[in-house]
């Protein structure tokens, strides 16, 4: 049985969790498949432990995910982790600030394609942690926070 949330969010999913939702990849190598099962063609292999992905559909054992590049594939639920991560997809370093304000002191920079743990978002800013640094970044500069489906 395949389940995706409807606009009202009142249709249950096999996991009981909302769809869409974000998870991260649990392992350094995760097989991406064309359908929900080991008998489906392998499309590619993700080599990015902690990569944030958005679950857009699910079965009891498989998750259809959207990745930051816009790829859609199925992965087994055991290869995902509920920990929230984000990634900076734009070029250039992004400032991480001490407080959620443009004029706040910069405490570190997040490089392009770098992963960070997500604590929370509030009023357009997200509290993140990466490489021993923690602080605030603009929500629009991070992939893995927008709640609407990221792949069609």
N, C-alpha and C. Protein backbone atom coordinates (compact mmCIF):
# COMPACT_ATOMS: atom_id res chain seq x y z
N UNK A 1 0.83 -1.18 0.00
CA UNK A 1 0.00 0.00 0.00
C UNK A 1 0.87 1.23 0.00
N UNK A 2 0.65 2.16 -0.90
CA UNK A 2 1.37 3.42 -1.02
C UNK A 2 0.54 4.51 -0.39
N UNK A 3 1.18 5.34 0.42
CA UNK A 3 0.44 6.41 1.07
C UNK A 3 1.20 7.72 0.96
N UNK A 4 0.47 8.75 0.62
CA UNK A 4 0.98 10.12 0.66
C UNK A 4 -0.09 10.95 1.33
N UNK A 5 0.32 11.97 2.03
CA UNK A 5 -0.65 12.79 2.74
C UNK A 5 -1.48 13.58 1.74
N UNK A 6 -2.75 13.78 2.06
CA UNK A 6 -3.56 14.65 1.23
C UNK A 6 -3.47 16.07 1.79
N UNK A 7 -4.14 17.01 1.13
CA UNK A 7 -4.04 18.41 1.54
C UNK A 7 -4.52 18.65 2.96
N UNK A 8 -5.46 17.86 3.44
CA UNK A 8 -5.98 18.05 4.79
C UNK A 8 -5.14 17.33 5.83
N UNK A 9 -4.26 16.43 5.38
CA UNK A 9 -3.40 15.71 6.30
C UNK A 9 -4.13 14.72 7.19
N UNK A 10 -5.36 14.30 6.79
CA UNK A 10 -6.13 13.42 7.67
C UNK A 10 -6.08 11.96 7.24
N UNK A 11 -5.35 11.64 6.19
CA UNK A 11 -5.22 10.26 5.75
C UNK A 11 -3.97 9.68 6.42
N UNK A 12 -4.10 8.58 7.15
CA UNK A 12 -2.94 8.03 7.85
C UNK A 12 -1.92 7.43 6.88
N UNK A 13 -0.66 7.47 7.30
CA UNK A 13 0.43 6.86 6.55
C UNK A 13 0.82 5.58 7.27
N UNK A 14 1.51 4.66 6.59
CA UNK A 14 1.92 3.42 7.25
C UNK A 14 2.76 3.65 8.52
N UNK A 15 3.57 4.71 8.52
CA UNK A 15 4.41 4.99 9.70
C UNK A 15 3.65 5.78 10.77
N UNK A 16 2.53 6.38 10.38
CA UNK A 16 1.81 7.25 11.30
C UNK A 16 2.38 8.66 11.34
N UNK A 17 3.41 8.91 10.55
CA UNK A 17 4.06 10.22 10.50
C UNK A 17 3.58 11.00 9.29
N UNK A 18 3.67 12.32 9.33
CA UNK A 18 3.18 13.12 8.20
C UNK A 18 4.05 12.96 6.96
N UNK A 19 3.44 13.14 5.81
CA UNK A 19 4.11 13.17 4.52
C UNK A 19 3.61 14.42 3.81
N UNK A 20 4.48 15.33 3.38
CA UNK A 20 5.93 15.22 3.39
C UNK A 20 6.53 15.51 4.77
N UNK A 21 7.75 14.99 4.96
CA UNK A 21 8.53 15.26 6.17
C UNK A 21 10.00 15.07 5.81
N UNK A 22 10.86 15.62 6.63
CA UNK A 22 12.30 15.47 6.39
C UNK A 22 12.90 14.41 7.30
N UNK A 23 13.85 13.68 6.73
CA UNK A 23 14.69 12.73 7.46
C UNK A 23 16.09 12.91 6.89
N UNK A 24 17.03 12.16 7.41
CA UNK A 24 18.38 12.19 6.84
C UNK A 24 18.82 10.76 6.55
N UNK A 25 19.82 10.63 5.70
CA UNK A 25 20.32 9.30 5.37
C UNK A 25 21.23 8.81 6.49
N UNK A 26 21.05 7.56 6.89
CA UNK A 26 21.73 7.00 8.05
C UNK A 26 23.13 6.47 7.74
N UNK A 27 23.39 6.11 6.49
CA UNK A 27 24.64 5.44 6.15
C UNK A 27 25.41 6.17 5.05
N UNK A 28 26.68 5.82 4.90
CA UNK A 28 27.53 6.39 3.85
C UNK A 28 27.12 5.91 2.47
N UNK A 29 26.49 4.75 2.39
CA UNK A 29 26.01 4.23 1.12
C UNK A 29 24.55 3.80 1.27
N UNK A 30 23.70 4.42 0.44
CA UNK A 30 22.27 4.10 0.45
C UNK A 30 21.82 3.91 -0.99
N UNK A 31 21.26 2.73 -1.29
CA UNK A 31 20.77 2.43 -2.64
C UNK A 31 19.46 3.15 -2.90
N UNK A 32 19.40 3.82 -4.05
CA UNK A 32 18.18 4.48 -4.50
C UNK A 32 17.56 3.61 -5.58
N UNK A 33 16.29 3.27 -5.42
CA UNK A 33 15.63 2.34 -6.34
C UNK A 33 14.46 3.00 -7.06
N UNK A 34 14.07 2.38 -8.17
CA UNK A 34 12.98 2.89 -9.01
C UNK A 34 11.61 2.64 -8.38
N UNK A 35 11.53 1.71 -7.45
CA UNK A 35 10.26 1.39 -6.82
C UNK A 35 10.50 0.88 -5.41
N UNK A 36 9.42 0.63 -4.67
CA UNK A 36 9.52 0.23 -3.27
C UNK A 36 9.78 -1.27 -3.07
N UNK A 37 11.01 -1.69 -3.36
CA UNK A 37 11.38 -3.09 -3.16
C UNK A 37 12.77 -3.37 -3.71
N UNK A 38 13.41 -4.40 -3.15
CA UNK A 38 14.75 -4.77 -3.61
C UNK A 38 14.75 -5.30 -5.04
N UNK A 39 13.58 -5.72 -5.53
CA UNK A 39 13.50 -6.25 -6.89
C UNK A 39 13.41 -5.13 -7.94
N UNK A 40 13.27 -3.88 -7.52
CA UNK A 40 13.25 -2.76 -8.46
C UNK A 40 14.67 -2.35 -8.82
N UNK A 41 14.81 -1.79 -10.01
CA UNK A 41 16.11 -1.37 -10.53
C UNK A 41 16.77 -0.35 -9.59
N UNK A 42 18.08 -0.55 -9.36
CA UNK A 42 18.87 0.43 -8.62
C UNK A 42 19.16 1.60 -9.55
N UNK A 43 18.81 2.81 -9.12
CA UNK A 43 19.01 4.00 -9.94
C UNK A 43 20.38 4.63 -9.70
N UNK A 44 20.77 4.73 -8.45
CA UNK A 44 22.06 5.29 -8.05
C UNK A 44 22.30 4.94 -6.60
N UNK A 45 23.47 5.30 -6.11
CA UNK A 45 23.82 5.10 -4.70
C UNK A 45 24.16 6.46 -4.11
N UNK A 46 23.50 6.80 -3.02
CA UNK A 46 23.86 8.01 -2.28
C UNK A 46 25.12 7.71 -1.47
N UNK A 47 26.07 8.64 -1.49
CA UNK A 47 27.30 8.51 -0.70
C UNK A 47 27.39 9.73 0.22
N UNK A 48 26.41 9.92 1.08
CA UNK A 48 26.36 11.12 1.90
C UNK A 48 25.59 10.87 3.19
N UNK A 49 26.26 10.29 4.16
CA UNK A 49 25.62 10.09 5.47
C UNK A 49 25.20 11.45 6.02
N UNK A 50 23.95 11.53 6.49
CA UNK A 50 23.43 12.77 7.03
C UNK A 50 22.73 13.65 6.02
N UNK A 51 22.72 13.26 4.74
CA UNK A 51 22.07 14.07 3.72
C UNK A 51 20.59 14.24 4.05
N UNK A 52 20.11 15.49 4.09
CA UNK A 52 18.67 15.68 4.31
C UNK A 52 17.89 15.30 3.06
N UNK A 53 16.80 14.58 3.25
CA UNK A 53 15.91 14.20 2.16
C UNK A 53 14.48 14.38 2.65
N UNK A 54 13.57 14.59 1.72
CA UNK A 54 12.17 14.77 2.08
C UNK A 54 11.38 13.53 1.67
N UNK A 55 10.71 12.91 2.63
CA UNK A 55 9.84 11.77 2.35
C UNK A 55 8.55 12.32 1.73
N UNK A 56 8.25 11.87 0.50
CA UNK A 56 7.06 12.37 -0.19
C UNK A 56 5.99 11.29 -0.34
N UNK A 57 6.34 10.04 -0.08
CA UNK A 57 5.39 8.92 -0.09
C UNK A 57 6.04 7.78 0.67
N UNK A 58 5.23 6.81 1.09
CA UNK A 58 5.80 5.68 1.81
C UNK A 58 4.92 4.45 1.72
N UNK A 59 5.58 3.31 1.91
CA UNK A 59 4.89 2.05 2.16
C UNK A 59 5.31 1.65 3.57
N UNK A 60 4.94 0.48 4.02
CA UNK A 60 5.32 0.08 5.37
C UNK A 60 6.83 -0.02 5.54
N UNK A 61 7.57 -0.40 4.47
CA UNK A 61 9.01 -0.58 4.58
C UNK A 61 9.85 0.37 3.73
N UNK A 62 9.24 1.10 2.82
CA UNK A 62 9.99 1.92 1.88
C UNK A 62 9.54 3.37 1.92
N UNK A 63 10.49 4.27 1.62
CA UNK A 63 10.22 5.71 1.60
C UNK A 63 10.60 6.26 0.23
N UNK A 64 9.67 6.98 -0.39
CA UNK A 64 10.00 7.69 -1.63
C UNK A 64 10.53 9.05 -1.19
N UNK A 65 11.75 9.35 -1.60
CA UNK A 65 12.39 10.57 -1.12
C UNK A 65 12.72 11.52 -2.26
N UNK A 66 12.76 12.78 -1.92
CA UNK A 66 13.23 13.85 -2.79
C UNK A 66 14.55 14.32 -2.20
N UNK A 67 15.59 14.39 -3.02
CA UNK A 67 16.88 14.83 -2.50
C UNK A 67 17.14 16.30 -2.88
N UNK A 68 18.19 16.90 -2.34
CA UNK A 68 18.45 18.31 -2.60
C UNK A 68 18.71 18.66 -4.07
N UNK A 69 19.05 17.67 -4.88
CA UNK A 69 19.26 17.90 -6.32
C UNK A 69 17.96 17.75 -7.11
N UNK A 70 16.87 17.36 -6.44
CA UNK A 70 15.59 17.17 -7.12
C UNK A 70 15.34 15.74 -7.57
N UNK A 71 16.23 14.82 -7.20
CA UNK A 71 16.05 13.42 -7.57
C UNK A 71 14.99 12.74 -6.72
N UNK A 72 14.20 11.88 -7.34
CA UNK A 72 13.18 11.09 -6.65
C UNK A 72 13.55 9.63 -6.73
N UNK A 73 13.52 8.95 -5.60
CA UNK A 73 13.87 7.53 -5.57
C UNK A 73 13.27 6.91 -4.32
N UNK A 74 13.28 5.59 -4.29
CA UNK A 74 12.83 4.84 -3.12
C UNK A 74 14.04 4.31 -2.36
N UNK A 75 13.98 4.43 -1.03
CA UNK A 75 15.01 3.86 -0.15
C UNK A 75 14.32 3.08 0.95
N UNK A 76 14.99 2.09 1.50
CA UNK A 76 14.40 1.32 2.59
C UNK A 76 14.36 2.17 3.85
N UNK A 77 13.34 2.00 4.66
CA UNK A 77 13.18 2.82 5.86
C UNK A 77 14.35 2.67 6.83
N UNK A 78 15.02 1.51 6.84
CA UNK A 78 16.14 1.31 7.77
C UNK A 78 17.34 2.18 7.40
N UNK A 79 17.35 2.75 6.19
CA UNK A 79 18.47 3.59 5.75
C UNK A 79 18.26 5.07 6.07
N UNK A 80 17.13 5.38 6.73
CA UNK A 80 16.86 6.78 7.07
C UNK A 80 16.90 6.97 8.58
N UNK A 81 17.13 8.20 8.96
CA UNK A 81 17.25 8.59 10.36
C UNK A 81 16.33 9.79 10.58
N UNK A 82 15.65 9.83 11.70
CA UNK A 82 14.73 10.92 11.99
C UNK A 82 15.42 12.23 12.35
N UNK A 83 16.73 12.21 12.54
CA UNK A 83 17.45 13.45 12.87
C UNK A 83 17.36 14.43 11.72
N UNK A 84 17.05 15.67 12.05
CA UNK A 84 16.92 16.72 11.03
C UNK A 84 18.27 17.31 10.70
N UNK A 85 18.55 17.37 9.42
CA UNK A 85 19.76 17.97 8.90
C UNK A 85 19.36 18.97 7.81
N UNK A 86 20.26 19.88 7.49
CA UNK A 86 20.06 20.82 6.40
C UNK A 86 21.35 20.86 5.59
N UNK A 87 21.26 21.40 4.37
CA UNK A 87 22.42 21.55 3.52
C UNK A 87 22.35 22.91 2.84
N UNK A 88 23.50 23.51 2.66
CA UNK A 88 23.58 24.76 1.91
C UNK A 88 23.85 24.40 0.46
N UNK A 89 22.90 24.68 -0.42
CA UNK A 89 23.05 24.31 -1.83
C UNK A 89 23.65 25.43 -2.68
N UNK A 90 23.52 26.67 -2.26
CA UNK A 90 24.05 27.79 -3.04
C UNK A 90 25.57 27.84 -2.97
N UNK A 91 26.17 28.51 -3.94
CA UNK A 91 27.62 28.72 -3.94
C UNK A 91 27.99 29.75 -2.88
N UNK A 92 29.21 29.66 -2.41
CA UNK A 92 29.72 30.64 -1.46
C UNK A 92 29.43 30.26 -0.02
N UNK A 93 30.20 30.86 0.87
CA UNK A 93 30.04 30.60 2.30
C UNK A 93 28.87 31.39 2.86
N UNK A 94 28.14 30.78 3.78
CA UNK A 94 26.99 31.42 4.42
C UNK A 94 27.35 31.72 5.88
N UNK A 95 27.13 32.95 6.33
CA UNK A 95 27.44 33.26 7.73
C UNK A 95 26.48 32.58 8.70
N UNK A 96 27.05 32.08 9.77
CA UNK A 96 26.27 31.59 10.91
C UNK A 96 26.40 32.67 11.98
N UNK A 97 25.28 33.16 12.46
CA UNK A 97 25.29 34.32 13.36
C UNK A 97 24.94 33.93 14.80
N UNK A 98 25.43 34.72 15.73
CA UNK A 98 25.19 34.47 17.15
C UNK A 98 23.71 34.58 17.51
N UNK A 99 23.01 35.50 16.88
CA UNK A 99 21.58 35.72 17.13
C UNK A 99 20.85 35.76 15.79
N UNK A 100 19.54 35.55 15.79
CA UNK A 100 18.79 35.54 14.53
C UNK A 100 18.49 36.96 14.00
N UNK A 101 19.57 37.66 13.66
CA UNK A 101 19.45 39.01 13.10
C UNK A 101 20.60 39.24 12.11
N UNK A 102 20.32 40.01 11.06
CA UNK A 102 21.34 40.30 10.04
C UNK A 102 22.56 40.99 10.61
N UNK A 103 22.37 41.82 11.61
CA UNK A 103 23.48 42.59 12.17
C UNK A 103 24.22 41.85 13.29
N UNK A 104 23.78 40.65 13.64
CA UNK A 104 24.43 39.88 14.71
C UNK A 104 25.83 39.44 14.28
N UNK A 105 26.68 39.24 15.27
CA UNK A 105 28.06 38.82 15.03
C UNK A 105 28.10 37.46 14.33
N UNK A 106 28.99 37.33 13.34
CA UNK A 106 29.21 36.08 12.64
C UNK A 106 30.14 35.22 13.49
N UNK A 107 29.71 34.00 13.79
CA UNK A 107 30.52 33.09 14.61
C UNK A 107 31.22 32.02 13.78
N UNK A 108 30.73 31.77 12.57
CA UNK A 108 31.31 30.75 11.70
C UNK A 108 30.68 30.91 10.31
N UNK A 109 31.16 30.10 9.38
CA UNK A 109 30.59 30.08 8.03
C UNK A 109 30.28 28.64 7.65
N UNK A 110 29.18 28.46 6.93
CA UNK A 110 28.82 27.15 6.39
C UNK A 110 29.13 27.19 4.90
N UNK A 111 29.96 26.29 4.46
CA UNK A 111 30.37 26.26 3.05
C UNK A 111 29.28 25.66 2.16
N UNK A 112 29.41 25.92 0.90
CA UNK A 112 28.51 25.35 -0.08
C UNK A 112 28.58 23.82 0.00
N UNK A 113 27.43 23.16 -0.04
CA UNK A 113 27.29 21.70 0.03
C UNK A 113 27.60 21.11 1.40
N UNK A 114 27.75 21.97 2.40
CA UNK A 114 28.04 21.48 3.76
C UNK A 114 26.73 21.14 4.47
N UNK A 115 26.81 20.10 5.30
CA UNK A 115 25.67 19.65 6.10
C UNK A 115 25.73 20.27 7.48
N UNK A 116 24.55 20.49 8.06
CA UNK A 116 24.47 21.00 9.43
C UNK A 116 23.27 20.36 10.10
N UNK A 117 23.36 20.16 11.41
CA UNK A 117 22.23 19.69 12.18
C UNK A 117 21.25 20.83 12.39
N UNK A 118 19.97 20.52 12.35
CA UNK A 118 18.93 21.54 12.53
C UNK A 118 18.31 21.38 13.90
N UNK A 119 18.34 22.45 14.68
CA UNK A 119 17.67 22.46 15.98
C UNK A 119 16.23 22.94 15.87
N UNK A 120 16.05 24.11 15.26
CA UNK A 120 14.70 24.66 15.09
C UNK A 120 14.74 25.86 14.16
N UNK A 121 13.57 26.25 13.65
CA UNK A 121 13.44 27.46 12.83
C UNK A 121 12.36 28.34 13.45
N UNK A 122 12.57 29.66 13.32
CA UNK A 122 11.62 30.61 13.88
C UNK A 122 11.75 31.94 13.13
N UNK A 123 10.65 32.41 12.59
CA UNK A 123 10.57 33.72 11.94
C UNK A 123 11.65 33.93 10.88
N UNK A 124 11.86 32.91 10.04
CA UNK A 124 12.78 33.04 8.92
C UNK A 124 14.23 32.73 9.24
N UNK A 125 14.52 32.32 10.46
CA UNK A 125 15.88 31.97 10.88
C UNK A 125 15.89 30.56 11.44
N UNK A 126 17.01 29.84 11.25
CA UNK A 126 17.14 28.48 11.77
C UNK A 126 18.39 28.36 12.63
N UNK A 127 18.24 27.70 13.76
CA UNK A 127 19.37 27.41 14.64
C UNK A 127 20.00 26.12 14.15
N UNK A 128 21.28 26.20 13.77
CA UNK A 128 21.98 25.05 13.22
C UNK A 128 23.29 24.81 13.96
N UNK A 129 23.86 23.60 13.74
CA UNK A 129 25.16 23.27 14.33
C UNK A 129 25.95 22.46 13.31
N UNK A 130 27.22 22.83 13.21
CA UNK A 130 28.11 22.15 12.26
C UNK A 130 29.55 22.34 12.70
N UNK A 131 30.32 21.27 12.69
CA UNK A 131 31.74 21.35 12.98
C UNK A 131 32.09 22.02 14.29
N UNK A 132 31.30 21.81 15.32
CA UNK A 132 31.57 22.40 16.62
C UNK A 132 31.04 23.82 16.78
N UNK A 133 30.51 24.39 15.73
CA UNK A 133 29.93 25.74 15.79
C UNK A 133 28.41 25.63 15.80
N UNK A 134 27.78 26.60 16.44
CA UNK A 134 26.32 26.66 16.45
C UNK A 134 25.90 28.11 16.32
N UNK A 135 24.76 28.33 15.71
CA UNK A 135 24.26 29.68 15.56
C UNK A 135 23.06 29.71 14.64
N UNK A 136 22.77 30.88 14.14
CA UNK A 136 21.57 31.12 13.35
C UNK A 136 21.90 31.42 11.89
N UNK A 137 21.10 30.85 10.99
CA UNK A 137 21.24 31.09 9.55
C UNK A 137 19.86 31.39 8.98
N UNK A 138 19.85 32.14 7.89
CA UNK A 138 18.57 32.45 7.24
C UNK A 138 17.96 31.18 6.65
N UNK A 139 16.70 30.99 6.92
CA UNK A 139 15.97 29.82 6.44
C UNK A 139 16.05 29.67 4.92
N UNK A 140 15.99 30.77 4.19
CA UNK A 140 16.01 30.72 2.72
C UNK A 140 17.34 30.22 2.17
N UNK A 141 18.38 30.22 2.98
CA UNK A 141 19.71 29.78 2.54
C UNK A 141 19.96 28.29 2.80
N UNK A 142 18.95 27.58 3.31
CA UNK A 142 19.12 26.18 3.69
C UNK A 142 18.11 25.29 2.97
N UNK A 143 18.55 24.11 2.52
CA UNK A 143 17.64 23.12 1.97
C UNK A 143 17.36 22.10 3.08
N UNK A 144 16.07 21.85 3.29
CA UNK A 144 15.68 20.87 4.30
C UNK A 144 14.77 21.44 5.36
N UNK A 145 14.20 22.62 5.08
CA UNK A 145 13.32 23.24 6.07
C UNK A 145 11.93 23.57 5.53
N UNK A 146 11.79 23.78 4.23
CA UNK A 146 10.49 24.13 3.65
C UNK A 146 9.58 22.93 3.72
N UNK A 147 8.40 23.09 4.29
CA UNK A 147 7.50 21.95 4.53
C UNK A 147 6.71 21.51 3.30
N UNK A 148 6.63 22.33 2.26
CA UNK A 148 5.92 21.91 1.06
C UNK A 148 6.76 20.91 0.26
N UNK A 149 6.13 20.07 -0.55
CA UNK A 149 6.90 19.09 -1.34
C UNK A 149 7.95 19.77 -2.22
N UNK A 150 9.18 19.26 -2.19
CA UNK A 150 10.28 19.85 -2.95
C UNK A 150 10.48 19.19 -4.30
N UNK A 151 9.87 18.06 -4.53
CA UNK A 151 9.93 17.38 -5.84
C UNK A 151 8.50 17.10 -6.29
N UNK A 152 8.32 17.14 -7.57
CA UNK A 152 6.99 16.85 -8.12
C UNK A 152 7.02 15.55 -8.89
